[in-house]
Each structure stands twice: as C-alpha cells, then as structure tokens.
Protein backbone atom coordinates (compact mmCIF):
# COMPACT_ATOMS: atom_id res chain seq x y z
CA MET A 1 28.03 -3.88 -49.74
CA PRO A 2 24.58 -3.01 -48.31
CA GLU A 3 23.47 -4.63 -45.07
CA THR A 4 21.16 -7.63 -45.56
CA LEU A 5 18.06 -7.44 -43.41
CA SER A 6 15.42 -10.07 -42.93
CA ILE A 7 11.86 -9.05 -43.62
CA ALA A 8 9.49 -9.86 -40.76
CA ARG A 9 5.74 -10.23 -41.22
CA SER A 10 5.48 -7.02 -39.20
CA GLU A 11 8.09 -4.78 -37.58
CA LEU A 12 7.85 -1.78 -35.27
CA ILE A 13 10.89 0.49 -35.45
CA LEU A 14 11.20 2.86 -32.49
CA GLY A 15 13.79 5.47 -31.65
CA GLY A 16 14.46 9.11 -30.95
CA GLN A 17 14.66 11.98 -33.41
CA LYS A 18 17.15 11.28 -36.23
CA SER A 19 18.02 7.86 -34.78
CA GLY A 20 17.80 6.05 -38.14
CA LYS A 21 14.20 4.76 -37.89
CA SER A 22 13.02 5.89 -41.32
CA ARG A 23 16.29 4.89 -42.95
CA ARG A 24 15.91 1.33 -41.62
CA ALA A 25 12.32 1.20 -42.92
CA GLU A 26 13.54 2.38 -46.32
CA MET A 27 16.29 -0.25 -46.34
CA LEU A 28 13.69 -2.93 -45.63
CA ALA A 29 11.52 -1.62 -48.47
CA GLN A 30 14.48 -1.50 -50.84
CA GLN A 31 15.45 -5.05 -49.95
CA TRP A 32 11.83 -6.25 -50.36
CA LEU A 33 11.65 -4.69 -53.82
CA GLY A 34 14.91 -6.37 -54.81
CA MET A 35 13.72 -9.84 -53.77
CA SER A 36 11.15 -10.27 -56.58
CA THR A 37 9.88 -8.37 -59.60
CA SER A 38 6.34 -8.96 -58.28
CA HIS A 39 7.08 -7.15 -54.99
CA ARG A 40 5.82 -3.62 -54.43
CA ALA A 41 6.26 -1.13 -51.58
CA LEU A 42 3.98 1.65 -50.37
CA LEU A 43 4.74 4.35 -47.83
CA ILE A 44 1.74 5.54 -45.82
CA ALA A 45 2.77 9.04 -44.70
CA THR A 46 0.98 10.53 -41.71
CA ALA A 47 2.57 14.01 -41.66
CA GLN A 48 0.48 17.05 -42.46
CA PRO A 49 2.01 20.20 -43.97
CA TRP A 50 0.52 22.77 -41.57
CA ASP A 51 3.34 25.32 -41.84
CA GLU A 52 6.15 26.30 -44.19
CA GLU A 53 8.85 24.45 -42.23
CA MET A 54 6.81 21.23 -42.28
CA ARG A 55 6.08 21.61 -46.02
CA ALA A 56 9.82 21.98 -46.67
CA ARG A 57 10.62 19.00 -44.43
CA ILE A 58 8.06 16.80 -46.22
CA ALA A 59 9.38 17.85 -49.64
CA ARG A 60 12.97 17.08 -48.58
CA HIS A 61 11.96 13.64 -47.25
CA GLU A 62 10.04 12.87 -50.46
CA ALA A 63 13.03 13.84 -52.63
CA ASP A 64 15.51 11.86 -50.51
CA ARG A 65 13.22 8.82 -50.41
CA ALA A 66 12.72 8.92 -54.18
CA GLN A 67 16.49 8.63 -54.61
CA ARG A 68 17.02 5.92 -51.99
CA VAL A 69 13.95 3.77 -52.80
CA PRO A 70 12.77 4.78 -56.28
CA GLY A 71 10.25 1.94 -56.53
CA MET A 72 8.31 2.88 -53.40
CA GLN A 73 5.03 4.73 -53.92
CA THR A 74 3.58 7.13 -51.33
CA ILE A 75 0.09 7.96 -50.11
CA GLU A 76 -0.91 10.33 -47.33
CA GLU A 77 -3.22 9.22 -44.54
CA PRO A 78 -3.13 11.39 -41.42
CA LEU A 79 -5.97 9.71 -39.47
CA ALA A 80 -7.60 6.56 -40.96
CA LEU A 81 -4.49 4.42 -40.53
CA ALA A 82 -6.13 1.08 -39.73
CA GLN A 83 -8.38 1.47 -42.75
CA ALA A 84 -5.39 2.36 -44.96
CA LEU A 85 -3.57 -0.81 -43.86
CA THR A 86 -6.63 -2.92 -44.55
CA THR A 87 -7.18 -1.31 -47.95
CA HIS A 88 -3.60 -1.45 -49.22
CA SER A 89 -2.09 -4.58 -47.66
CA GLN A 90 -1.49 -7.37 -50.16
CA ARG A 91 0.71 -10.43 -50.10
CA GLU A 92 3.26 -8.92 -52.52
CA MET A 93 3.07 -5.39 -51.03
CA LEU A 94 5.28 -4.15 -48.18
CA LEU A 95 3.65 -1.26 -46.33
CA VAL A 96 5.72 1.31 -44.45
CA VAL A 97 3.89 3.58 -41.99
CA ASP A 98 5.88 6.70 -41.15
CA CYS A 99 5.08 7.69 -38.52
CA LEU A 100 2.85 6.55 -35.66
CA THR A 101 3.80 9.54 -33.50
CA LEU A 102 2.51 12.05 -36.04
CA TRP A 103 -0.62 9.94 -36.55
CA LEU A 104 -1.34 10.11 -32.81
CA THR A 105 -0.59 13.84 -32.79
CA ASN A 106 -3.03 14.37 -35.67
CA GLY A 107 -5.74 12.62 -33.69
CA MET A 108 -5.10 14.00 -30.21
CA MET A 109 -3.93 17.53 -31.03
CA PRO A 110 -5.30 18.44 -34.46
CA MET A 111 -4.14 21.74 -35.94
CA HIS A 112 -7.62 22.39 -37.40
CA PRO A 113 -10.10 20.44 -35.26
CA GLN A 114 -13.35 19.47 -36.93
CA ALA A 115 -16.45 19.88 -34.79
CA ASP A 116 -17.75 16.44 -35.78
CA ALA A 117 -14.41 14.62 -35.78
CA VAL A 118 -13.73 12.46 -32.74
CA PHE A 119 -10.50 10.50 -32.41
CA ASP A 120 -11.03 7.82 -29.78
CA VAL A 121 -7.43 6.82 -29.09
CA GLU A 122 -8.27 3.46 -27.53
CA SER A 123 -10.51 2.27 -30.38
CA GLN A 124 -8.14 3.63 -33.04
CA VAL A 125 -5.17 1.80 -31.47
CA SER A 126 -7.18 -1.43 -31.19
CA ALA A 127 -8.23 -1.16 -34.85
CA LEU A 128 -4.62 -0.51 -35.86
CA ALA A 129 -3.32 -3.55 -33.94
CA ALA A 130 -6.03 -5.72 -35.53
CA SER A 131 -5.18 -4.48 -39.03
CA ILE A 132 -1.49 -5.26 -38.45
CA ALA A 133 -2.33 -8.78 -37.28
CA MET A 134 -4.59 -9.43 -40.27
CA ALA A 135 -2.38 -7.85 -42.97
CA PRO A 136 -1.64 -10.38 -45.74
CA GLY A 137 1.67 -8.68 -46.59
CA PRO A 138 4.56 -7.33 -44.52
CA VAL A 139 4.07 -4.11 -42.53
CA VAL A 140 6.83 -1.85 -41.16
CA LEU A 141 5.79 0.87 -38.70
CA VAL A 142 7.98 3.76 -37.56
CA GLY A 143 7.42 5.63 -34.30
CA ASN A 144 9.19 7.75 -31.73
CA GLU A 145 10.23 6.56 -28.29
CA ILE A 146 9.88 9.72 -26.24
CA GLY A 147 9.26 8.35 -22.75
CA MET A 148 12.90 8.26 -21.67
CA GLY A 149 13.28 12.01 -21.11
CA VAL A 150 12.07 14.50 -18.55
CA ILE A 151 8.42 14.51 -17.49
CA PRO A 152 6.58 17.26 -19.41
CA MET A 153 5.16 20.18 -17.44
CA GLY A 154 1.74 20.47 -19.10
CA ALA A 155 -1.12 18.04 -18.48
CA GLU A 156 -1.96 17.84 -22.20
CA VAL A 157 1.61 16.92 -23.10
CA ARG A 158 1.80 14.36 -20.27
CA ALA A 159 -1.42 12.79 -21.60
CA PHE A 160 0.10 12.60 -25.07
CA VAL A 161 3.32 10.98 -23.80
CA ASP A 162 1.25 8.43 -21.87
CA ALA A 163 -0.93 7.70 -24.94
CA LEU A 164 2.15 7.30 -27.12
CA GLY A 165 3.66 4.85 -24.64
CA ARG A 166 0.46 2.79 -24.67
CA LEU A 167 0.30 2.97 -28.50
CA ASN A 168 3.89 1.70 -28.76
CA GLN A 169 3.12 -1.16 -26.36
CA HIS A 170 0.01 -2.26 -28.29
CA VAL A 171 1.74 -2.08 -31.66
CA ALA A 172 4.79 -3.92 -30.26
CA GLN A 173 2.51 -6.74 -29.11
CA ALA A 174 0.93 -6.93 -32.58
CA CYS A 175 4.27 -6.98 -34.43
CA ALA A 176 6.51 -9.97 -35.01
CA ARG A 177 9.67 -7.87 -34.56
CA VAL A 178 10.44 -4.71 -32.59
CA THR A 179 13.65 -2.77 -33.23
CA LEU A 180 15.00 0.16 -31.22
CA MET A 181 17.25 2.51 -33.18
CA ALA A 182 19.98 4.60 -31.53
CA ALA A 183 22.71 6.47 -33.42
CA GLY A 184 21.76 4.62 -36.60
CA LEU A 185 22.26 1.22 -34.96
CA PRO A 186 19.47 -1.34 -34.47
CA LEU A 187 18.83 -3.14 -31.22
CA THR A 188 16.35 -6.02 -31.49
CA LEU A 189 13.84 -5.85 -28.64
CA LYS A 190 11.59 -8.59 -30.01
CA ALA A 191 12.81 -11.12 -32.56
CA ALA A 192 10.60 -12.48 -35.32
CA PRO A 193 9.80 -16.18 -34.88
C-alpha cells in the first residue's frame, strides 16, 4: 500500500544527491492527482541539456516520471522561475519545481552567458519567495542541501554554496512545510500548520 502524504500549501524538499527528493515530490503529485478528477499537476523543470550526459539524464528522468506520475505535465523554465509560478499556479494545480539548485546554477554560472542577461540573485530569490506565498494552488520545490560537506577551494564555488544556503533559507521561510530527505526517508524540519 502506498504511503499517504498530506499536501501542504507549499513544501520545500531538501536533501543530497539521490536522497529521494524528486521521488517524494512525485509521490505528492500522484496523491494530489488521485484526490480529485479536477486536480492537475505540472512539473517546472529547470535543467538544461548542455551536454550528452545531461541530455541522457533528462530523457531518463522524463521516461521514469511518465511511468510513475502519468498525469503530470512538464514545462521547462531554466531562469524565469518566479514568473512561471505566477503564470501556472491555480487552485486545482499542484506545481513541482525540480530543482532550485539547477535554477541557481543557470543564473550564477550559465553555460552560454548572454551579454545582456543579468541574474540578480537577491531580487530573483525575493521574487520567488513572493510567488510561493501568493500561489493560489500547492507548490512543491526540490533543492539540494550541499552545505554539510567540505568547504570548496575556489572562490566562485564558495560563493555559489553561500548563495544556495541563502536561497534555501528564504524558500524555507516562504514554505508551510520543509522536509529533509536522507536515504529515501523524510525528516520534517518545519511542519505545516
């Protein structure tokens, strides 16, 4: 029998690589879809297929997700995440953002930087937190917790780790529930009221 999860107005799911973050988000989406025929679910994917390995990884995730949660649609939005939440959030629509870490990477360390593109981390994070708070439907956000390891050697990587820590803190404040995943097991850090 599948685990029954409660759907919070908003939930941040953090964890390390292959900790079960995306699987939990998919379970929430599957449960949401099963609660009512009027419910819909949309994955907002932030990954960009810059190389062959990443293209293969994205294709594998899409195929696996289609089997596990066949009713969930997918759109890609690597940068304008707050705008995507505002545009797509509806009362009967559960949004899954996977993942915040790649979104931040796309903004801070773009593979193909545009001369006119500026990603102001602070304003982007503030806009994202506001869009989460104002979303009429449930929002589930997936991100990596990477600040528990060794301190990176390069200044650029240290700046990214710091920015990700601040992003996670802001999003955690905006969300009703925060869950830390480890070895496929959830630990509730912040319970929904």
